[in-house]
Structures are given as structure tokens and as C-alpha cells.
């Protein structure tokens, strides 16, 4: 029973917050996505994208 509850715990992180966590600006952030250093975001709509917190943590730890 407890297992199913863990599925949706992965919080959505927006680009702005991701940049703050990495302490980088917009240009460098999008360059890192292009280079594959940051995974492609999950697209909700044309303008709305996010990353799961678990993948954000991996990127932040790698770039510390």
C-alpha cells in the first residue's frame, strides 16, 4: 500500500528555479541543455516545461 504513494512525490521544477539551483544564467542554462548536460524538459504545453526534482538533483550535484 505504501509503495503507490511514492510515485507522485517527484516535484516539478521550473526552469527559473533550476537556474537558481545551478547558480547560472539563462544563456548558459540553455547552452547546457543543448549540449546534453541538462536533460530535455518535460513539455506540458508550448510555453510550459518542467523537470522532475530527482533529475534536477543529479545535475546540481554533478555541477557543484
PDB file of N, CA and C in Angstrom:
ATOM      1  N   UNK A   1       0.819  -1.207   0.000  1.00  0.00           N
ATOM      2  CA  UNK A   1       0.000   0.000   0.000  1.00  0.00           C
ATOM      3  C   UNK A   1       0.856   1.261   0.000  1.00  0.00           C
ATOM      4  N   UNK A   2       1.903   1.278   0.779  1.00  0.00           N
ATOM      5  CA  UNK A   2       2.749   2.466   0.860  1.00  0.00           C
ATOM      6  C   UNK A   2       3.546   2.762  -0.397  1.00  0.00           C
ATOM      7  N   UNK A   3       3.773   1.762  -1.219  1.00  0.00           N
ATOM      8  CA  UNK A   3       4.596   1.925  -2.418  1.00  0.00           C
ATOM      9  C   UNK A   3       3.955   2.869  -3.430  1.00  0.00           C
ATOM     10  N   UNK A   4       2.684   2.723  -3.687  1.00  0.00           N
ATOM     11  CA  UNK A   4       1.988   3.534  -4.690  1.00  0.00           C
ATOM     12  C   UNK A   4       2.054   5.027  -4.385  1.00  0.00           C
ATOM     13  N   UNK A   5       2.143   5.374  -3.117  1.00  0.00           N
ATOM     14  CA  UNK A   5       2.167   6.786  -2.723  1.00  0.00           C
ATOM     15  C   UNK A   5       3.453   7.500  -3.124  1.00  0.00           C
ATOM     16  N   UNK A   6       4.531   6.767  -3.301  1.00  0.00           N
ATOM     17  CA  UNK A   6       5.817   7.392  -3.635  1.00  0.00           C
ATOM     18  C   UNK A   6       5.928   7.841  -5.093  1.00  0.00           C
ATOM     19  N   UNK A   7       5.011   7.383  -5.936  1.00  0.00           N
ATOM     20  CA  UNK A   7       5.089   7.656  -7.363  1.00  0.00           C
ATOM     21  C   UNK A   7       5.006   9.146  -7.682  1.00  0.00           C
ATOM     22  N   UNK A   8       4.078   9.866  -7.082  1.00  0.00           N
ATOM     23  CA  UNK A   8       3.877  11.269  -7.445  1.00  0.00           C
ATOM     24  C   UNK A   8       4.597  12.277  -6.557  1.00  0.00           C
ATOM     25  N   UNK A   9       5.543  11.799  -5.771  1.00  0.00           N
ATOM     26  CA  UNK A   9       6.254  12.687  -4.863  1.00  0.00           C
ATOM     27  C   UNK A   9       7.290  13.535  -5.612  1.00  0.00           C
ATOM     28  N   UNK A  10       7.714  13.074  -6.802  1.00  0.00           N
ATOM     29  CA  UNK A  10       8.732  13.784  -7.578  1.00  0.00           C
ATOM     30  C   UNK A  10       8.197  15.155  -8.024  1.00  0.00           C
ATOM     31  N   UNK A  11       8.628  16.180  -7.319  1.00  0.00           N
ATOM     32  CA  UNK A  11       8.150  17.535  -7.541  1.00  0.00           C
ATOM     33  C   UNK A  11       8.581  18.079  -8.908  1.00  0.00           C
ATOM     34  N   UNK A  12       7.774  18.968  -9.460  1.00  0.00           N
ATOM     35  CA  UNK A  12       8.112  19.607 -10.732  1.00  0.00           C
ATOM     36  C   UNK A  12       8.949  20.856 -10.481  1.00  0.00           C
ATOM     37  N   UNK A  13      10.050  20.965 -11.194  1.00  0.00           N
ATOM     38  CA  UNK A  13      10.945  22.116 -11.060  1.00  0.00           C
ATOM     39  C   UNK A  13      10.922  22.895 -12.370  1.00  0.00           C
ATOM     40  N   UNK A  14      10.666  24.183 -12.265  1.00  0.00           N
ATOM     41  CA  UNK A  14      10.628  25.048 -13.440  1.00  0.00           C
ATOM     42  C   UNK A  14      12.033  25.535 -13.783  1.00  0.00           C
ATOM     43  N   UNK A  15      12.188  26.034 -15.004  1.00  0.00           N
ATOM     44  CA  UNK A  15      13.496  26.491 -15.488  1.00  0.00           C
ATOM     45  C   UNK A  15      14.121  27.540 -14.567  1.00  0.00           C
ATOM     46  N   UNK A  16      13.316  28.502 -14.129  1.00  0.00           N
ATOM     47  CA  UNK A  16      13.833  29.590 -13.289  1.00  0.00           C
ATOM     48  C   UNK A  16      14.467  29.055 -12.002  1.00  0.00           C
ATOM     49  N   UNK A  17      13.777  28.120 -11.367  1.00  0.00           N
ATOM     50  CA  UNK A  17      14.286  27.525 -10.122  1.00  0.00           C
ATOM     51  C   UNK A  17      15.530  26.679 -10.390  1.00  0.00           C
ATOM     52  N   UNK A  18      15.519  25.970 -11.518  1.00  0.00           N
ATOM     53  CA  UNK A  18      16.656  25.137 -11.913  1.00  0.00           C
ATOM     54  C   UNK A  18      17.904  26.015 -12.080  1.00  0.00           C
ATOM     55  N   UNK A  19      17.748  27.167 -12.731  1.00  0.00           N
ATOM     56  CA  UNK A  19      18.868  28.097 -12.931  1.00  0.00           C
ATOM     57  C   UNK A  19      19.399  28.609 -11.596  1.00  0.00           C
ATOM     58  N   UNK A  20      18.510  28.900 -10.671  1.00  0.00           N
ATOM     59  CA  UNK A  20      18.895  29.390  -9.339  1.00  0.00           C
ATOM     60  C   UNK A  20      19.692  28.300  -8.611  1.00  0.00           C
ATOM     61  N   UNK A  21      19.205  27.059  -8.680  1.00  0.00           N
ATOM     62  CA  UNK A  21      19.887  25.947  -8.018  1.00  0.00           C
ATOM     63  C   UNK A  21      21.292  25.726  -8.575  1.00  0.00           C
ATOM     64  N   UNK A  22      21.449  25.965  -9.876  1.00  0.00           N
ATOM     65  CA  UNK A  22      22.758  25.796 -10.513  1.00  0.00           C
ATOM     66  C   UNK A  22      23.603  27.064 -10.441  1.00  0.00           C
ATOM     67  N   UNK A  23      22.996  28.165 -10.011  1.00  0.00           N
ATOM     68  CA  UNK A  23      23.650  29.483  -9.959  1.00  0.00           C
ATOM     69  C   UNK A  23      24.187  29.892 -11.331  1.00  0.00           C
ATOM     70  N   UNK A  24      23.378  29.702 -12.345  1.00  0.00           N
ATOM     71  CA  UNK A  24      23.770  30.094 -13.698  1.00  0.00           C
ATOM     72  C   UNK A  24      22.675  30.930 -14.346  1.00  0.00           C
ATOM     73  N   UNK A  25      23.057  31.658 -15.365  1.00  0.00           N
ATOM     74  CA  UNK A  25      22.113  32.480 -16.107  1.00  0.00           C
ATOM     75  C   UNK A  25      21.403  31.704 -17.204  1.00  0.00           C
ATOM     76  N   UNK A  26      20.441  32.351 -17.799  1.00  0.00           N
ATOM     77  CA  UNK A  26      19.597  31.785 -18.843  1.00  0.00           C
ATOM     78  C   UNK A  26      20.404  31.246 -20.038  1.00  0.00           C
ATOM     79  N   UNK A  27      21.343  32.050 -20.532  1.00  0.00           N
ATOM     80  CA  UNK A  27      22.118  31.665 -21.710  1.00  0.00           C
ATOM     81  C   UNK A  27      22.896  30.377 -21.466  1.00  0.00           C
ATOM     82  N   UNK A  28      23.617  30.331 -20.339  1.00  0.00           N
ATOM     83  CA  UNK A  28      24.401  29.138 -20.013  1.00  0.00           C
ATOM     84  C   UNK A  28      23.477  27.942 -19.785  1.00  0.00           C
ATOM     85  N   UNK A  29      22.337  28.182 -19.144  1.00  0.00           N
ATOM     86  CA  UNK A  29      21.373  27.121 -18.858  1.00  0.00           C
ATOM     87  C   UNK A  29      20.919  26.445 -20.155  1.00  0.00           C
ATOM     88  N   UNK A  30      20.500  27.253 -21.118  1.00  0.00           N
ATOM     89  CA  UNK A  30      20.007  26.681 -22.378  1.00  0.00           C
ATOM     90  C   UNK A  30      21.131  26.074 -23.208  1.00  0.00           C
ATOM     91  N   UNK A  31      22.343  26.591 -23.067  1.00  0.00           N
ATOM     92  CA  UNK A  31      23.500  26.007 -23.735  1.00  0.00           C
ATOM     93  C   UNK A  31      23.760  24.603 -23.174  1.00  0.00           C
ATOM     94  N   UNK A  32      23.619  24.458 -21.848  1.00  0.00           N
ATOM     95  CA  UNK A  32      23.828  23.159 -21.198  1.00  0.00           C
ATOM     96  C   UNK A  32      22.779  22.138 -21.638  1.00  0.00           C
ATOM     97  N   UNK A  33      21.565  22.594 -21.891  1.00  0.00           N
ATOM     98  CA  UNK A  33      20.512  21.691 -22.386  1.00  0.00           C
ATOM     99  C   UNK A  33      20.898  21.224 -23.796  1.00  0.00           C
ATOM    100  N   UNK A  34      21.332  22.189 -24.613  1.00  0.00           N
ATOM    101  CA  UNK A  34      21.753  21.865 -25.989  1.00  0.00           C
ATOM    102  C   UNK A  34      22.881  20.849 -26.009  1.00  0.00           C
ATOM    103  N   UNK A  35      23.839  21.017 -25.095  1.00  0.00           N
ATOM    104  CA  UNK A  35      24.996  20.113 -25.022  1.00  0.00           C
ATOM    105  C   UNK A  35      24.642  18.763 -24.403  1.00  0.00           C
ATOM    106  N   UNK A  36      23.462  18.651 -23.818  1.00  0.00           N
ATOM    107  CA  UNK A  36      23.062  17.406 -23.182  1.00  0.00           C
ATOM    108  C   UNK A  36      23.525  17.282 -21.740  1.00  0.00           C
ATOM    109  N   UNK A  37      24.050  18.387 -21.185  1.00  0.00           N
ATOM    110  CA  UNK A  37      24.491  18.370 -19.785  1.00  0.00           C
ATOM    111  C   UNK A  37      23.297  18.467 -18.837  1.00  0.00           C
ATOM    112  N   UNK A  38      22.205  18.982 -19.346  1.00  0.00           N
ATOM    113  CA  UNK A  38      20.940  19.040 -18.609  1.00  0.00           C
ATOM    114  C   UNK A  38      19.939  18.287 -19.477  1.00  0.00           C
ATOM    115  N   UNK A  39      19.181  17.362 -18.879  1.00  0.00           N
ATOM    116  CA  UNK A  39      18.216  16.604 -19.686  1.00  0.00           C
ATOM    117  C   UNK A  39      17.137  17.503 -20.298  1.00  0.00           C
ATOM    118  N   UNK A  40      16.563  17.062 -21.389  1.00  0.00           N
ATOM    119  CA  UNK A  40      15.463  17.795 -22.019  1.00  0.00           C
ATOM    120  C   UNK A  40      14.301  17.880 -21.029  1.00  0.00           C
ATOM    121  N   UNK A  41      13.610  19.021 -21.004  1.00  0.00           N
ATOM    122  CA  UNK A  41      12.477  19.143 -20.077  1.00  0.00           C
ATOM    123  C   UNK A  41      11.264  18.353 -20.549  1.00  0.00           C
ATOM    124  N   UNK A  42      10.347  18.143 -19.640  1.00  0.00           N
ATOM    125  CA  UNK A  42       9.059  17.539 -19.969  1.00  0.00           C
ATOM    126  C   UNK A  42       8.150  18.689 -20.351  1.00  0.00           C
ATOM    127  N   UNK A  43       7.561  18.607 -21.518  1.00  0.00           N
ATOM    128  CA  UNK A  43       6.764  19.713 -22.042  1.00  0.00           C
ATOM    129  C   UNK A  43       5.280  19.502 -21.755  1.00  0.00           C
ATOM    130  N   UNK A  44       4.699  20.450 -21.019  1.00  0.00           N
ATOM    131  CA  UNK A  44       3.278  20.411 -20.694  1.00  0.00           C
ATOM    132  C   UNK A  44       2.499  21.066 -21.831  1.00  0.00           C
ATOM    133  N   UNK A  45       3.008  22.216 -22.278  1.00  0.00           N
ATOM    134  CA  UNK A  45       2.428  22.938 -23.404  1.00  0.00           C
ATOM    135  C   UNK A  45       3.573  23.638 -24.111  1.00  0.00           C
ATOM    136  N   UNK A  46       3.276  24.457 -25.100  1.00  0.00           N
ATOM    137  CA  UNK A  46       4.325  25.141 -25.855  1.00  0.00           C
ATOM    138  C   UNK A  46       5.230  25.972 -24.955  1.00  0.00           C
ATOM    139  N   UNK A  47       4.635  26.632 -23.970  1.00  0.00           N
ATOM    140  CA  UNK A  47       5.417  27.522 -23.104  1.00  0.00           C
ATOM    141  C   UNK A  47       5.742  26.943 -21.737  1.00  0.00           C
ATOM    142  N   UNK A  48       5.072  25.877 -21.373  1.00  0.00           N
ATOM    143  CA  UNK A  48       5.249  25.348 -20.025  1.00  0.00           C
ATOM    144  C   UNK A  48       6.050  24.050 -20.024  1.00  0.00           C
ATOM    145  N   UNK A  49       7.229  24.112 -19.398  1.00  0.00           N
ATOM    146  CA  UNK A  49       8.071  22.927 -19.279  1.00  0.00           C
ATOM    147  C   UNK A  49       8.535  22.759 -17.833  1.00  0.00           C
ATOM    148  N   UNK A  50       8.936  21.545 -17.502  1.00  0.00           N
ATOM    149  CA  UNK A  50       9.457  21.297 -16.162  1.00  0.00           C
ATOM    150  C   UNK A  50      10.390  20.097 -16.193  1.00  0.00           C
ATOM    151  N   UNK A  51      11.128  19.947 -15.109  1.00  0.00           N
ATOM    152  CA  UNK A  51      11.971  18.774 -14.887  1.00  0.00           C
ATOM    153  C   UNK A  51      11.514  18.155 -13.578  1.00  0.00           C
ATOM    154  N   UNK A  52      11.690  16.844 -13.431  1.00  0.00           N
ATOM    155  CA  UNK A  52      11.398  16.221 -12.145  1.00  0.00           C
ATOM    156  C   UNK A  52      12.550  16.524 -11.197  1.00  0.00           C
ATOM    157  N   UNK A  53      12.204  16.751  -9.951  1.00  0.00           N
ATOM    158  CA  UNK A  53      13.194  17.114  -8.937  1.00  0.00           C
ATOM    159  C   UNK A  53      14.342  16.108  -8.852  1.00  0.00           C
ATOM    160  N   UNK A  54      14.042  14.824  -9.024  1.00  0.00           N
ATOM    161  CA  UNK A  54      15.086  13.795  -8.934  1.00  0.00           C
ATOM    162  C   UNK A  54      16.165  13.997 -10.000  1.00  0.00           C
ATOM    163  N   UNK A  55      15.771  14.366 -11.227  1.00  0.00           N
ATOM    164  CA  UNK A  55      16.778  14.596 -12.267  1.00  0.00           C
ATOM    165  C   UNK A  55      17.509  15.919 -12.054  1.00  0.00           C
ATOM    166  N   UNK A  56      16.809  16.903 -11.474  1.00  0.00           N
ATOM    167  CA  UNK A  56      17.431  18.194 -11.156  1.00  0.00           C
ATOM    168  C   UNK A  56      18.546  17.981 -10.131  1.00  0.00           C
ATOM    169  N   UNK A  57      18.261  17.196  -9.106  1.00  0.00           N
ATOM    170  CA  UNK A  57      19.249  16.937  -8.049  1.00  0.00           C
ATOM    171  C   UNK A  57      20.516  16.322  -8.620  1.00  0.00           C
ATOM    172  N   UNK A  58      20.370  15.372  -9.565  1.00  0.00           N
ATOM    173  CA  UNK A  58      21.529  14.726 -10.180  1.00  0.00           C
ATOM    174  C   UNK A  58      22.395  15.752 -10.903  1.00  0.00           C
ATOM    175  N   UNK A  59      21.765  16.651 -11.649  1.00  0.00           N
ATOM    176  CA  UNK A  59      22.504  17.669 -12.407  1.00  0.00           C
ATOM    177  C   UNK A  59      23.203  18.637 -11.444  1.00  0.00           C
ATOM    178  N   UNK A  60      22.483  19.089 -10.423  1.00  0.00           N
ATOM    179  CA  UNK A  60      23.045  20.038  -9.456  1.00  0.00           C
ATOM    180  C   UNK A  60      24.248  19.424  -8.743  1.00  0.00           C
ATOM    181  N   UNK A  61      24.133  18.167  -8.315  1.00  0.00           N
ATOM    182  CA  UNK A  61      25.250  17.512  -7.626  1.00  0.00           C
ATOM    183  C   UNK A  61      26.462  17.352  -8.539  1.00  0.00           C
ATOM    184  N   UNK A  62      26.229  17.087  -9.811  1.00  0.00           N
ATOM    185  CA  UNK A  62      27.311  16.915 -10.780  1.00  0.00           C
ATOM    186  C   UNK A  62      28.042  18.237 -11.045  1.00  0.00           C
ATOM    187  N   UNK A  63      27.336  19.350 -10.947  1.00  0.00           N
ATOM    188  CA  UNK A  63      27.919  20.656 -11.292  1.00  0.00           C
ATOM    189  C   UNK A  63      28.361  21.491 -10.101  1.00  0.00           C
ATOM    190  N   UNK A  64      28.397  20.883  -8.921  1.00  0.00           N
ATOM    191  CA  UNK A  64      28.832  21.627  -7.733  1.00  0.00           C
ATOM    192  C   UNK A  64      30.323  21.845  -7.737  1.00  0.00           C
TER     193      UNK A  64
END
